[in-house]
Amino acid sequence: MATYTAFDPRTGEPGAATFSDATPEAIAAAVSAAGRAFAHAGTPAPRDTARLLRAIADELDGLGDRAAETADRETGLGRPRLTGELARTTGQWRAFAAQCEEGSFVEAVIDHAVPDARPDLRRMRFPVGPVAVFGASNFPLAFSVPGGDTASALAAGCPVVVKAHPSHPETSELTGAAIARALERAGVPAGWFSLLHGRSTAVG
């Protein structure tokens, strides 16, 4: 099994943690768990989703300096920029929470049978099922594990399987654990969020 560590791009110093490529079995298990969770949980109520998204934002905010320090060590982007990126990231979660409460994103339409007697037509957006998210290298927070792709998928009522970018695995693990804690406290079914690591293209 291939293993790897992150490196500080300024010094070349390796990170403290070692990560392994997810096996095909682990990938299949994460996808299957997401599918089962989606099949059994049903579509969550918008107000419950909004509450969950805000809880995740609070967990991420609670990482504070630790998130910025870890991301800086792996990316060299600088703590001031990464502190701002964390605020942007949690702002995205709260913006999606507000959208869930407002409700227009489902674009519900009812085409009434007027004037002739015929079936009316109804349309709305609904969750499609498990979503795969691939973290970006250059935004370890706003476009990675806790980024907008993950937030929007969860806001839409879809389980998420995230592939962490290998350039910042410790940051990904830290933020992924924060998301998982909020989901567990809310009683969300197991498999609704999974995090996979890997540097090989076979993982993604």
N, C-alpha and C. Protein backbone atom coordinates (compact mmCIF):
# COMPACT_ATOMS: atom_id res chain seq x y z
N MET A 1 0.85 -1.19 0.00
CA MET A 1 0.00 0.00 0.00
C MET A 1 0.89 1.25 0.00
N ALA A 2 0.66 2.15 -0.94
CA ALA A 2 1.48 3.35 -1.07
C ALA A 2 1.18 4.32 0.07
N THR A 3 2.23 4.89 0.65
CA THR A 3 2.07 5.89 1.71
C THR A 3 2.77 7.17 1.31
N TYR A 4 2.37 8.26 1.94
CA TYR A 4 2.96 9.56 1.62
C TYR A 4 2.75 10.52 2.77
N THR A 5 3.49 11.61 2.77
CA THR A 5 3.31 12.69 3.72
C THR A 5 3.24 14.00 2.96
N ALA A 6 2.73 15.02 3.61
CA ALA A 6 2.77 16.36 3.04
C ALA A 6 4.13 16.98 3.34
N PHE A 7 4.47 18.04 2.62
CA PHE A 7 5.73 18.74 2.85
C PHE A 7 5.48 20.24 2.93
N ASP A 8 6.22 20.89 3.82
CA ASP A 8 6.19 22.34 3.85
C ASP A 8 6.92 22.84 2.60
N PRO A 9 6.22 23.55 1.70
CA PRO A 9 6.87 23.95 0.44
C PRO A 9 7.99 24.95 0.63
N ARG A 10 8.06 25.58 1.80
CA ARG A 10 9.12 26.57 2.04
C ARG A 10 10.41 25.94 2.53
N THR A 11 10.28 24.83 3.24
CA THR A 11 11.46 24.22 3.86
C THR A 11 11.73 22.80 3.39
N GLY A 12 10.73 22.16 2.80
CA GLY A 12 10.86 20.76 2.42
C GLY A 12 10.69 19.80 3.58
N GLU A 13 10.37 20.33 4.76
CA GLU A 13 10.21 19.47 5.94
C GLU A 13 8.94 18.64 5.80
N PRO A 14 9.03 17.32 6.02
CA PRO A 14 7.84 16.48 5.90
C PRO A 14 6.89 16.68 7.07
N GLY A 15 5.63 16.40 6.81
CA GLY A 15 4.63 16.48 7.86
C GLY A 15 4.77 15.34 8.86
N ALA A 16 4.10 15.49 9.99
CA ALA A 16 4.21 14.48 11.05
C ALA A 16 3.40 13.23 10.75
N ALA A 17 2.33 13.37 9.98
CA ALA A 17 1.41 12.26 9.74
C ALA A 17 1.70 11.59 8.39
N THR A 18 1.49 10.29 8.36
CA THR A 18 1.64 9.51 7.13
C THR A 18 0.26 9.05 6.67
N PHE A 19 0.03 9.13 5.38
CA PHE A 19 -1.27 8.76 4.82
C PHE A 19 -1.09 7.67 3.78
N SER A 20 -2.14 6.88 3.58
CA SER A 20 -2.11 5.76 2.64
C SER A 20 -3.15 5.95 1.55
N ASP A 21 -2.84 5.45 0.37
CA ASP A 21 -3.83 5.45 -0.70
C ASP A 21 -5.02 4.57 -0.28
N ALA A 22 -6.21 5.08 -0.47
CA ALA A 22 -7.40 4.28 -0.20
C ALA A 22 -7.41 3.07 -1.13
N THR A 23 -7.73 1.92 -0.59
CA THR A 23 -7.80 0.71 -1.41
C THR A 23 -9.10 0.70 -2.22
N PRO A 24 -9.15 -0.09 -3.29
CA PRO A 24 -10.41 -0.21 -4.03
C PRO A 24 -11.56 -0.64 -3.13
N GLU A 25 -11.25 -1.49 -2.16
CA GLU A 25 -12.30 -1.95 -1.24
C GLU A 25 -12.81 -0.80 -0.37
N ALA A 26 -11.89 0.06 0.10
CA ALA A 26 -12.30 1.19 0.93
C ALA A 26 -13.14 2.18 0.12
N ILE A 27 -12.75 2.40 -1.13
CA ILE A 27 -13.53 3.30 -1.98
C ILE A 27 -14.92 2.74 -2.21
N ALA A 28 -14.99 1.45 -2.54
CA ALA A 28 -16.29 0.83 -2.77
C ALA A 28 -17.16 0.86 -1.52
N ALA A 29 -16.54 0.66 -0.36
CA ALA A 29 -17.30 0.68 0.90
C ALA A 29 -17.87 2.07 1.17
N ALA A 30 -17.08 3.12 0.91
CA ALA A 30 -17.57 4.48 1.14
C ALA A 30 -18.73 4.81 0.21
N VAL A 31 -18.61 4.41 -1.05
CA VAL A 31 -19.68 4.68 -2.01
C VAL A 31 -20.94 3.89 -1.65
N SER A 32 -20.76 2.64 -1.27
CA SER A 32 -21.92 1.81 -0.88
C SER A 32 -22.60 2.36 0.36
N ALA A 33 -21.81 2.80 1.33
CA ALA A 33 -22.38 3.37 2.56
C ALA A 33 -23.17 4.63 2.26
N ALA A 34 -22.65 5.45 1.35
CA ALA A 34 -23.38 6.66 0.96
C ALA A 34 -24.69 6.31 0.28
N GLY A 35 -24.66 5.30 -0.58
CA GLY A 35 -25.89 4.87 -1.25
C GLY A 35 -26.93 4.34 -0.28
N ARG A 36 -26.49 3.55 0.70
CA ARG A 36 -27.43 3.02 1.70
C ARG A 36 -28.01 4.14 2.54
N ALA A 37 -27.16 5.07 2.94
CA ALA A 37 -27.65 6.19 3.76
C ALA A 37 -28.70 6.98 3.01
N PHE A 38 -28.45 7.24 1.74
CA PHE A 38 -29.40 8.01 0.94
C PHE A 38 -30.71 7.26 0.76
N ALA A 39 -30.62 5.95 0.54
CA ALA A 39 -31.82 5.15 0.31
C ALA A 39 -32.71 5.07 1.54
N HIS A 40 -32.10 5.06 2.72
CA HIS A 40 -32.86 4.84 3.95
C HIS A 40 -33.25 6.12 4.68
N ALA A 41 -32.53 7.20 4.43
CA ALA A 41 -32.78 8.41 5.21
C ALA A 41 -33.90 9.26 4.65
N GLY A 42 -34.12 9.22 3.34
CA GLY A 42 -35.10 10.12 2.75
C GLY A 42 -34.56 11.53 2.65
N THR A 43 -35.38 12.43 2.15
CA THR A 43 -34.97 13.82 1.98
C THR A 43 -35.16 14.57 3.30
N PRO A 44 -34.11 15.15 3.86
CA PRO A 44 -34.25 15.87 5.13
C PRO A 44 -35.07 17.15 4.96
N ALA A 45 -35.73 17.56 6.02
CA ALA A 45 -36.48 18.81 5.99
C ALA A 45 -35.51 19.98 5.86
N PRO A 46 -35.87 21.00 5.08
CA PRO A 46 -34.95 22.14 4.88
C PRO A 46 -34.48 22.78 6.17
N ARG A 47 -35.37 22.90 7.16
CA ARG A 47 -34.96 23.54 8.41
C ARG A 47 -33.93 22.69 9.15
N ASP A 48 -34.06 21.35 9.03
CA ASP A 48 -33.08 20.47 9.67
C ASP A 48 -31.73 20.56 8.96
N THR A 49 -31.79 20.65 7.63
CA THR A 49 -30.55 20.81 6.87
C THR A 49 -29.87 22.12 7.22
N ALA A 50 -30.63 23.19 7.32
CA ALA A 50 -30.07 24.50 7.67
C ALA A 50 -29.39 24.44 9.04
N ARG A 51 -30.04 23.79 9.99
CA ARG A 51 -29.46 23.66 11.33
C ARG A 51 -28.15 22.87 11.27
N LEU A 52 -28.13 21.82 10.47
CA LEU A 52 -26.93 21.00 10.33
C LEU A 52 -25.79 21.79 9.69
N LEU A 53 -26.08 22.54 8.64
CA LEU A 53 -25.04 23.31 7.97
C LEU A 53 -24.43 24.35 8.91
N ARG A 54 -25.26 24.97 9.72
CA ARG A 54 -24.73 25.94 10.68
C ARG A 54 -23.88 25.25 11.76
N ALA A 55 -24.29 24.05 12.14
CA ALA A 55 -23.50 23.31 13.13
C ALA A 55 -22.12 22.95 12.56
N ILE A 56 -22.08 22.59 11.28
CA ILE A 56 -20.80 22.31 10.64
C ILE A 56 -19.95 23.57 10.58
N ALA A 57 -20.56 24.69 10.23
CA ALA A 57 -19.82 25.96 10.20
C ALA A 57 -19.24 26.28 11.57
N ASP A 58 -20.02 26.04 12.62
CA ASP A 58 -19.53 26.30 13.97
C ASP A 58 -18.34 25.39 14.31
N GLU A 59 -18.42 24.12 13.91
CA GLU A 59 -17.31 23.20 14.15
C GLU A 59 -16.05 23.67 13.44
N LEU A 60 -16.20 24.10 12.20
CA LEU A 60 -15.04 24.57 11.44
C LEU A 60 -14.48 25.84 12.05
N ASP A 61 -15.35 26.75 12.45
CA ASP A 61 -14.88 27.96 13.13
C ASP A 61 -14.11 27.61 14.39
N GLY A 62 -14.56 26.57 15.08
CA GLY A 62 -13.91 26.16 16.31
C GLY A 62 -12.48 25.67 16.12
N LEU A 63 -12.13 25.31 14.89
CA LEU A 63 -10.74 24.89 14.63
C LEU A 63 -9.79 26.07 14.73
N GLY A 64 -10.29 27.25 14.38
CA GLY A 64 -9.54 28.50 14.54
C GLY A 64 -8.11 28.45 14.03
N ASP A 65 -7.18 28.83 14.91
CA ASP A 65 -5.77 28.92 14.54
C ASP A 65 -5.20 27.57 14.11
N ARG A 66 -5.75 26.50 14.66
CA ARG A 66 -5.22 25.18 14.31
C ARG A 66 -5.38 24.90 12.82
N ALA A 67 -6.53 25.27 12.26
CA ALA A 67 -6.76 25.05 10.83
C ALA A 67 -5.79 25.88 10.00
N ALA A 68 -5.63 27.15 10.36
CA ALA A 68 -4.73 28.02 9.60
C ALA A 68 -3.29 27.56 9.71
N GLU A 69 -2.88 27.15 10.90
CA GLU A 69 -1.50 26.69 11.10
C GLU A 69 -1.21 25.42 10.31
N THR A 70 -2.14 24.48 10.35
CA THR A 70 -1.95 23.22 9.62
C THR A 70 -1.91 23.47 8.12
N ALA A 71 -2.85 24.25 7.63
CA ALA A 71 -2.88 24.54 6.19
C ALA A 71 -1.65 25.31 5.75
N ASP A 72 -1.18 26.22 6.58
CA ASP A 72 0.02 26.99 6.23
C ASP A 72 1.24 26.09 6.15
N ARG A 73 1.33 25.16 7.08
CA ARG A 73 2.47 24.24 7.09
C ARG A 73 2.50 23.37 5.83
N GLU A 74 1.33 23.06 5.30
CA GLU A 74 1.27 22.17 4.13
C GLU A 74 1.28 22.93 2.80
N THR A 75 0.89 24.19 2.81
CA THR A 75 0.75 24.92 1.54
C THR A 75 1.66 26.13 1.41
N GLY A 76 2.09 26.69 2.55
CA GLY A 76 2.90 27.89 2.52
C GLY A 76 2.16 29.13 2.08
N LEU A 77 0.84 29.10 2.15
CA LEU A 77 0.04 30.23 1.68
C LEU A 77 0.00 31.39 2.66
N GLY A 78 0.42 31.17 3.89
CA GLY A 78 0.45 32.25 4.88
C GLY A 78 -0.78 32.24 5.77
N ARG A 79 -0.56 32.43 7.06
CA ARG A 79 -1.68 32.38 8.01
C ARG A 79 -2.71 33.48 7.81
N PRO A 80 -2.32 34.72 7.48
CA PRO A 80 -3.36 35.74 7.26
C PRO A 80 -4.34 35.35 6.15
N ARG A 81 -3.80 34.87 5.04
CA ARG A 81 -4.67 34.47 3.94
C ARG A 81 -5.54 33.28 4.32
N LEU A 82 -4.97 32.32 5.03
CA LEU A 82 -5.71 31.12 5.39
C LEU A 82 -6.74 31.39 6.48
N THR A 83 -6.47 32.33 7.37
CA THR A 83 -7.48 32.74 8.34
C THR A 83 -8.68 33.34 7.63
N GLY A 84 -8.41 34.16 6.62
CA GLY A 84 -9.50 34.71 5.82
C GLY A 84 -10.23 33.65 5.03
N GLU A 85 -9.48 32.66 4.55
CA GLU A 85 -10.11 31.58 3.78
C GLU A 85 -11.04 30.75 4.66
N LEU A 86 -10.66 30.54 5.92
CA LEU A 86 -11.54 29.81 6.83
C LEU A 86 -12.84 30.57 7.04
N ALA A 87 -12.74 31.89 7.20
CA ALA A 87 -13.96 32.70 7.36
C ALA A 87 -14.82 32.63 6.11
N ARG A 88 -14.18 32.66 4.95
CA ARG A 88 -14.93 32.52 3.70
C ARG A 88 -15.62 31.16 3.63
N THR A 89 -14.91 30.13 4.06
CA THR A 89 -15.44 28.77 4.01
C THR A 89 -16.67 28.63 4.88
N THR A 90 -16.59 29.06 6.13
CA THR A 90 -17.74 28.94 7.02
C THR A 90 -18.88 29.86 6.57
N GLY A 91 -18.53 30.97 5.96
CA GLY A 91 -19.56 31.84 5.39
C GLY A 91 -20.35 31.14 4.30
N GLN A 92 -19.67 30.30 3.52
CA GLN A 92 -20.37 29.53 2.48
C GLN A 92 -21.40 28.58 3.10
N TRP A 93 -20.99 27.91 4.18
CA TRP A 93 -21.92 26.98 4.84
C TRP A 93 -23.15 27.73 5.35
N ARG A 94 -22.93 28.88 5.94
CA ARG A 94 -24.07 29.64 6.48
C ARG A 94 -24.93 30.23 5.37
N ALA A 95 -24.32 30.56 4.24
CA ALA A 95 -25.11 31.05 3.10
C ALA A 95 -26.01 29.94 2.56
N PHE A 96 -25.49 28.73 2.48
CA PHE A 96 -26.32 27.61 2.03
C PHE A 96 -27.42 27.31 3.04
N ALA A 97 -27.13 27.47 4.33
CA ALA A 97 -28.18 27.29 5.34
C ALA A 97 -29.31 28.27 5.13
N ALA A 98 -28.97 29.52 4.85
CA ALA A 98 -30.00 30.53 4.60
C ALA A 98 -30.81 30.18 3.35
N GLN A 99 -30.16 29.65 2.33
CA GLN A 99 -30.87 29.24 1.11
C GLN A 99 -31.84 28.10 1.40
N CYS A 100 -31.43 27.16 2.25
CA CYS A 100 -32.33 26.06 2.61
C CYS A 100 -33.59 26.59 3.27
N GLU A 101 -33.44 27.56 4.14
CA GLU A 101 -34.60 28.13 4.83
C GLU A 101 -35.47 28.94 3.88
N GLU A 102 -34.84 29.65 2.95
CA GLU A 102 -35.59 30.48 2.00
C GLU A 102 -36.36 29.63 0.99
N GLY A 103 -35.74 28.56 0.49
CA GLY A 103 -36.47 27.55 -0.26
C GLY A 103 -36.59 27.68 -1.76
N SER A 104 -36.27 28.82 -2.34
CA SER A 104 -36.52 28.99 -3.77
C SER A 104 -35.60 28.14 -4.64
N PHE A 105 -34.53 27.60 -4.05
CA PHE A 105 -33.58 26.82 -4.86
C PHE A 105 -34.20 25.56 -5.44
N VAL A 106 -35.31 25.08 -4.86
CA VAL A 106 -35.94 23.88 -5.41
C VAL A 106 -36.71 24.18 -6.69
N GLU A 107 -36.95 25.47 -6.97
CA GLU A 107 -37.63 25.91 -8.19
C GLU A 107 -38.93 25.13 -8.43
N ALA A 108 -39.76 25.09 -7.41
CA ALA A 108 -41.04 24.38 -7.53
C ALA A 108 -41.97 25.11 -8.50
N VAL A 109 -42.54 24.36 -9.44
CA VAL A 109 -43.44 24.92 -10.44
C VAL A 109 -44.67 24.04 -10.54
N ILE A 110 -45.85 24.66 -10.53
CA ILE A 110 -47.10 23.94 -10.76
C ILE A 110 -47.79 24.58 -11.95
N ASP A 111 -47.92 23.81 -13.03
CA ASP A 111 -48.57 24.28 -14.26
C ASP A 111 -50.01 23.78 -14.22
N HIS A 112 -50.91 24.66 -13.80
CA HIS A 112 -52.31 24.26 -13.60
C HIS A 112 -53.02 23.94 -14.91
N ALA A 113 -54.00 23.05 -14.81
CA ALA A 113 -54.78 22.63 -15.98
C ALA A 113 -55.86 23.66 -16.28
N VAL A 114 -55.44 24.80 -16.79
CA VAL A 114 -56.36 25.89 -17.12
C VAL A 114 -56.07 26.33 -18.55
N PRO A 115 -57.10 26.50 -19.40
CA PRO A 115 -58.53 26.37 -19.08
C PRO A 115 -59.09 24.98 -19.29
N ASP A 116 -58.34 24.10 -19.98
CA ASP A 116 -58.90 22.79 -20.31
C ASP A 116 -58.64 21.80 -19.18
N ALA A 117 -59.53 20.83 -19.08
CA ALA A 117 -59.38 19.78 -18.08
C ALA A 117 -58.30 18.80 -18.55
N ARG A 118 -57.17 18.82 -17.87
CA ARG A 118 -56.06 17.93 -18.19
C ARG A 118 -55.17 17.85 -16.95
N PRO A 119 -54.30 16.87 -16.90
CA PRO A 119 -53.42 16.78 -15.73
C PRO A 119 -52.55 18.03 -15.60
N ASP A 120 -52.39 18.52 -14.37
CA ASP A 120 -51.45 19.63 -14.20
C ASP A 120 -50.03 19.07 -14.11
N LEU A 121 -49.07 19.91 -14.41
CA LEU A 121 -47.67 19.51 -14.43
C LEU A 121 -46.95 20.13 -13.24
N ARG A 122 -46.19 19.32 -12.54
CA ARG A 122 -45.47 19.80 -11.36
C ARG A 122 -43.99 19.43 -11.47
N ARG A 123 -43.16 20.39 -11.07
CA ARG A 123 -41.72 20.17 -11.18
C ARG A 123 -41.00 20.81 -10.00
N MET A 124 -39.97 20.14 -9.54
CA MET A 124 -39.10 20.72 -8.52
C MET A 124 -37.77 19.98 -8.52
N ARG A 125 -36.77 20.62 -7.99
CA ARG A 125 -35.47 19.97 -7.85
C ARG A 125 -35.45 19.09 -6.61
N PHE A 126 -34.71 17.99 -6.68
CA PHE A 126 -34.63 17.08 -5.55
C PHE A 126 -33.23 16.46 -5.52
N PRO A 127 -32.83 15.89 -4.39
CA PRO A 127 -31.50 15.30 -4.29
C PRO A 127 -31.31 14.15 -5.28
N VAL A 128 -30.12 14.06 -5.86
CA VAL A 128 -29.85 13.04 -6.87
C VAL A 128 -29.18 11.80 -6.28
N GLY A 129 -28.63 11.91 -5.07
CA GLY A 129 -27.93 10.78 -4.48
C GLY A 129 -26.49 11.14 -4.14
N PRO A 130 -25.66 10.14 -3.87
CA PRO A 130 -24.28 10.40 -3.45
C PRO A 130 -23.50 11.24 -4.46
N VAL A 131 -22.67 12.13 -3.93
CA VAL A 131 -21.86 13.04 -4.75
C VAL A 131 -20.39 12.83 -4.41
N ALA A 132 -19.54 12.79 -5.44
CA ALA A 132 -18.09 12.72 -5.24
C ALA A 132 -17.51 14.12 -5.34
N VAL A 133 -16.65 14.47 -4.40
CA VAL A 133 -15.99 15.78 -4.38
C VAL A 133 -14.47 15.55 -4.39
N PHE A 134 -13.78 16.29 -5.24
CA PHE A 134 -12.32 16.20 -5.32
C PHE A 134 -11.72 17.52 -4.87
N GLY A 135 -10.91 17.47 -3.82
CA GLY A 135 -10.33 18.68 -3.25
C GLY A 135 -9.32 19.33 -4.17
N ALA A 136 -9.28 20.66 -4.13
CA ALA A 136 -8.33 21.43 -4.93
C ALA A 136 -7.01 21.58 -4.18
N SER A 137 -5.94 21.81 -4.94
CA SER A 137 -4.62 21.95 -4.31
C SER A 137 -4.38 23.35 -3.76
N ASN A 138 -4.95 24.36 -4.41
CA ASN A 138 -4.57 25.75 -4.08
C ASN A 138 -5.49 26.44 -3.09
N PHE A 139 -6.60 25.83 -2.73
CA PHE A 139 -7.50 26.36 -1.71
C PHE A 139 -7.79 25.22 -0.73
N PRO A 140 -6.96 25.04 0.30
CA PRO A 140 -7.11 23.89 1.18
C PRO A 140 -8.36 23.91 2.04
N LEU A 141 -9.06 25.04 2.07
CA LEU A 141 -10.28 25.15 2.86
C LEU A 141 -11.49 25.43 1.98
N ALA A 142 -11.50 26.54 1.27
CA ALA A 142 -12.69 26.98 0.56
C ALA A 142 -13.07 26.11 -0.63
N PHE A 143 -12.09 25.38 -1.21
CA PHE A 143 -12.37 24.52 -2.36
C PHE A 143 -11.84 23.11 -2.14
N SER A 144 -11.80 22.71 -0.90
CA SER A 144 -11.31 21.37 -0.60
C SER A 144 -12.36 20.62 0.23
N VAL A 145 -11.92 19.85 1.20
CA VAL A 145 -12.85 19.00 1.96
C VAL A 145 -14.02 19.79 2.53
N PRO A 146 -13.79 20.95 3.20
CA PRO A 146 -14.93 21.69 3.75
C PRO A 146 -15.45 22.77 2.81
N GLY A 147 -15.11 22.69 1.54
CA GLY A 147 -15.43 23.77 0.62
C GLY A 147 -16.85 23.78 0.09
N GLY A 148 -17.06 24.64 -0.89
CA GLY A 148 -18.40 24.87 -1.41
C GLY A 148 -19.03 23.66 -2.07
N ASP A 149 -18.21 22.78 -2.68
CA ASP A 149 -18.79 21.59 -3.31
C ASP A 149 -19.41 20.67 -2.27
N THR A 150 -18.69 20.45 -1.17
CA THR A 150 -19.22 19.63 -0.09
C THR A 150 -20.44 20.29 0.54
N ALA A 151 -20.35 21.58 0.80
CA ALA A 151 -21.46 22.30 1.44
C ALA A 151 -22.70 22.27 0.57
N SER A 152 -22.55 22.50 -0.73
CA SER A 152 -23.73 22.56 -1.61
C SER A 152 -24.37 21.19 -1.75
N ALA A 153 -23.55 20.13 -1.81
CA ALA A 153 -24.11 18.79 -1.92
C ALA A 153 -24.90 18.42 -0.67
N LEU A 154 -24.33 18.70 0.51
CA LEU A 154 -25.06 18.42 1.74
C LEU A 154 -26.30 19.29 1.86
N ALA A 155 -26.22 20.53 1.40
CA ALA A 155 -27.38 21.42 1.43
C ALA A 155 -28.50 20.88 0.56
N ALA A 156 -28.14 20.23 -0.54
CA ALA A 156 -29.14 19.67 -1.45
C ALA A 156 -29.72 18.35 -0.96
N GLY A 157 -29.17 17.83 0.14
CA GLY A 157 -29.66 16.57 0.68
C GLY A 157 -28.95 15.35 0.13
N CYS A 158 -27.72 15.52 -0.35
CA CYS A 158 -26.96 14.43 -0.94
C CYS A 158 -25.81 14.00 -0.04
N PRO A 159 -25.59 12.70 0.13
CA PRO A 159 -24.39 12.24 0.82
C PRO A 159 -23.15 12.60 0.00
N VAL A 160 -22.00 12.67 0.66
CA VAL A 160 -20.77 13.11 0.01
C VAL A 160 -19.63 12.15 0.33
N VAL A 161 -18.89 11.79 -0.71
CA VAL A 161 -17.61 11.09 -0.57
C VAL A 161 -16.55 12.03 -1.10
N VAL A 162 -15.62 12.45 -0.23
CA VAL A 162 -14.61 13.44 -0.61
C VAL A 162 -13.26 12.75 -0.78
N LYS A 163 -12.59 13.08 -1.87
CA LYS A 163 -11.19 12.66 -2.08
C LYS A 163 -10.31 13.86 -1.73
N ALA A 164 -9.54 13.73 -0.66
CA ALA A 164 -8.66 14.80 -0.22
C ALA A 164 -7.51 14.99 -1.20
N HIS A 165 -7.07 16.24 -1.37
CA HIS A 165 -5.91 16.47 -2.21
C HIS A 165 -4.64 16.08 -1.45
N PRO A 166 -3.71 15.37 -2.10
CA PRO A 166 -2.53 14.88 -1.37
C PRO A 166 -1.55 15.96 -0.93
N SER A 167 -1.71 17.18 -1.40
CA SER A 167 -0.78 18.24 -0.98
C SER A 167 -1.11 18.79 0.40
N HIS A 168 -2.32 18.54 0.90
CA HIS A 168 -2.66 19.01 2.25
C HIS A 168 -3.55 17.99 2.98
N PRO A 169 -3.03 16.77 3.18
CA PRO A 169 -3.85 15.73 3.80
C PRO A 169 -4.17 15.98 5.27
N GLU A 170 -3.26 16.60 6.02
CA GLU A 170 -3.55 16.85 7.44
C GLU A 170 -4.66 17.88 7.59
N THR A 171 -4.64 18.90 6.76
CA THR A 171 -5.73 19.88 6.78
C THR A 171 -7.04 19.22 6.41
N SER A 172 -7.00 18.34 5.42
CA SER A 172 -8.21 17.63 5.00
C SER A 172 -8.75 16.75 6.11
N GLU A 173 -7.85 16.05 6.79
CA GLU A 173 -8.27 15.18 7.89
C GLU A 173 -8.87 16.00 9.03
N LEU A 174 -8.24 17.12 9.34
CA LEU A 174 -8.71 17.99 10.42
C LEU A 174 -10.11 18.53 10.14
N THR A 175 -10.30 19.05 8.94
CA THR A 175 -11.60 19.64 8.60
C THR A 175 -12.65 18.56 8.36
N GLY A 176 -12.24 17.44 7.79
CA GLY A 176 -13.19 16.35 7.60
C GLY A 176 -13.71 15.81 8.92
N ALA A 177 -12.83 15.74 9.92
CA ALA A 177 -13.25 15.28 11.25
C ALA A 177 -14.25 16.25 11.87
N ALA A 178 -14.07 17.55 11.63
CA ALA A 178 -15.01 18.54 12.15
C ALA A 178 -16.39 18.35 11.53
N ILE A 179 -16.43 18.11 10.23
CA ILE A 179 -17.71 17.86 9.56
C ILE A 179 -18.35 16.59 10.12
N ALA A 180 -17.55 15.54 10.26
CA ALA A 180 -18.08 14.27 10.75
C ALA A 180 -18.63 14.40 12.17
N ARG A 181 -17.99 15.20 13.01
CA ARG A 181 -18.49 15.39 14.39
C ARG A 181 -19.87 16.03 14.38
N ALA A 182 -20.03 17.06 13.56
CA ALA A 182 -21.32 17.74 13.51
C ALA A 182 -22.41 16.80 12.99
N LEU A 183 -22.08 16.00 11.99
CA LEU A 183 -23.06 15.05 11.45
C LEU A 183 -23.44 14.00 12.48
N GLU A 184 -22.46 13.50 13.21
CA GLU A 184 -22.73 12.47 14.22
C GLU A 184 -23.61 13.03 15.33
N ARG A 185 -23.32 14.23 15.79
CA ARG A 185 -24.13 14.83 16.85
C ARG A 185 -25.56 15.06 16.40
N ALA A 186 -25.74 15.32 15.12
CA ALA A 186 -27.09 15.56 14.59
C ALA A 186 -27.84 14.27 14.31
N GLY A 187 -27.18 13.13 14.48
CA GLY A 187 -27.83 11.85 14.23
C GLY A 187 -27.97 11.50 12.76
N VAL A 188 -27.12 12.09 11.93
CA VAL A 188 -27.16 11.79 10.50
C VAL A 188 -26.65 10.36 10.28
N PRO A 189 -27.28 9.60 9.38
CA PRO A 189 -26.88 8.20 9.18
C PRO A 189 -25.41 8.04 8.81
N ALA A 190 -24.81 6.97 9.29
CA ALA A 190 -23.43 6.66 8.92
C ALA A 190 -23.33 6.52 7.41
N GLY A 191 -22.25 7.02 6.85
CA GLY A 191 -22.06 6.95 5.41
C GLY A 191 -22.45 8.21 4.68
N TRP A 192 -23.09 9.16 5.40
CA TRP A 192 -23.52 10.40 4.74
C TRP A 192 -22.33 11.27 4.34
N PHE A 193 -21.21 11.09 5.02
CA PHE A 193 -19.98 11.82 4.67
C PHE A 193 -18.80 10.90 4.87
N SER A 194 -17.96 10.78 3.86
CA SER A 194 -16.75 9.96 3.96
C SER A 194 -15.58 10.73 3.36
N LEU A 195 -14.40 10.50 3.91
CA LEU A 195 -13.18 11.14 3.44
C LEU A 195 -12.17 10.07 3.05
N LEU A 196 -11.66 10.17 1.84
CA LEU A 196 -10.67 9.23 1.33
C LEU A 196 -9.38 9.98 1.01
N HIS A 197 -8.26 9.31 1.23
CA HIS A 197 -6.96 9.88 0.91
C HIS A 197 -6.32 9.09 -0.22
N GLY A 198 -5.39 9.72 -0.92
CA GLY A 198 -4.65 9.00 -1.94
C GLY A 198 -3.87 9.93 -2.84
N ARG A 199 -2.69 9.49 -3.24
CA ARG A 199 -1.89 10.25 -4.19
C ARG A 199 -1.94 9.62 -5.57
N SER A 200 -2.31 8.35 -5.63
CA SER A 200 -2.38 7.63 -6.89
C SER A 200 -3.58 8.07 -7.71
N THR A 201 -3.42 8.08 -9.03
CA THR A 201 -4.55 8.40 -9.91
C THR A 201 -5.62 7.32 -9.85
N ALA A 202 -5.28 6.15 -9.34
CA ALA A 202 -6.28 5.10 -9.19
C ALA A 202 -7.32 5.47 -8.15
N VAL A 203 -6.94 6.30 -7.18
CA VAL A 203 -7.89 6.75 -6.16
C VAL A 203 -8.75 7.88 -6.71
N GLY A 204 -8.15 8.77 -7.49
CA GLY A 204 -8.94 9.85 -8.07
C GLY A 204 -8.19 11.17 -8.01
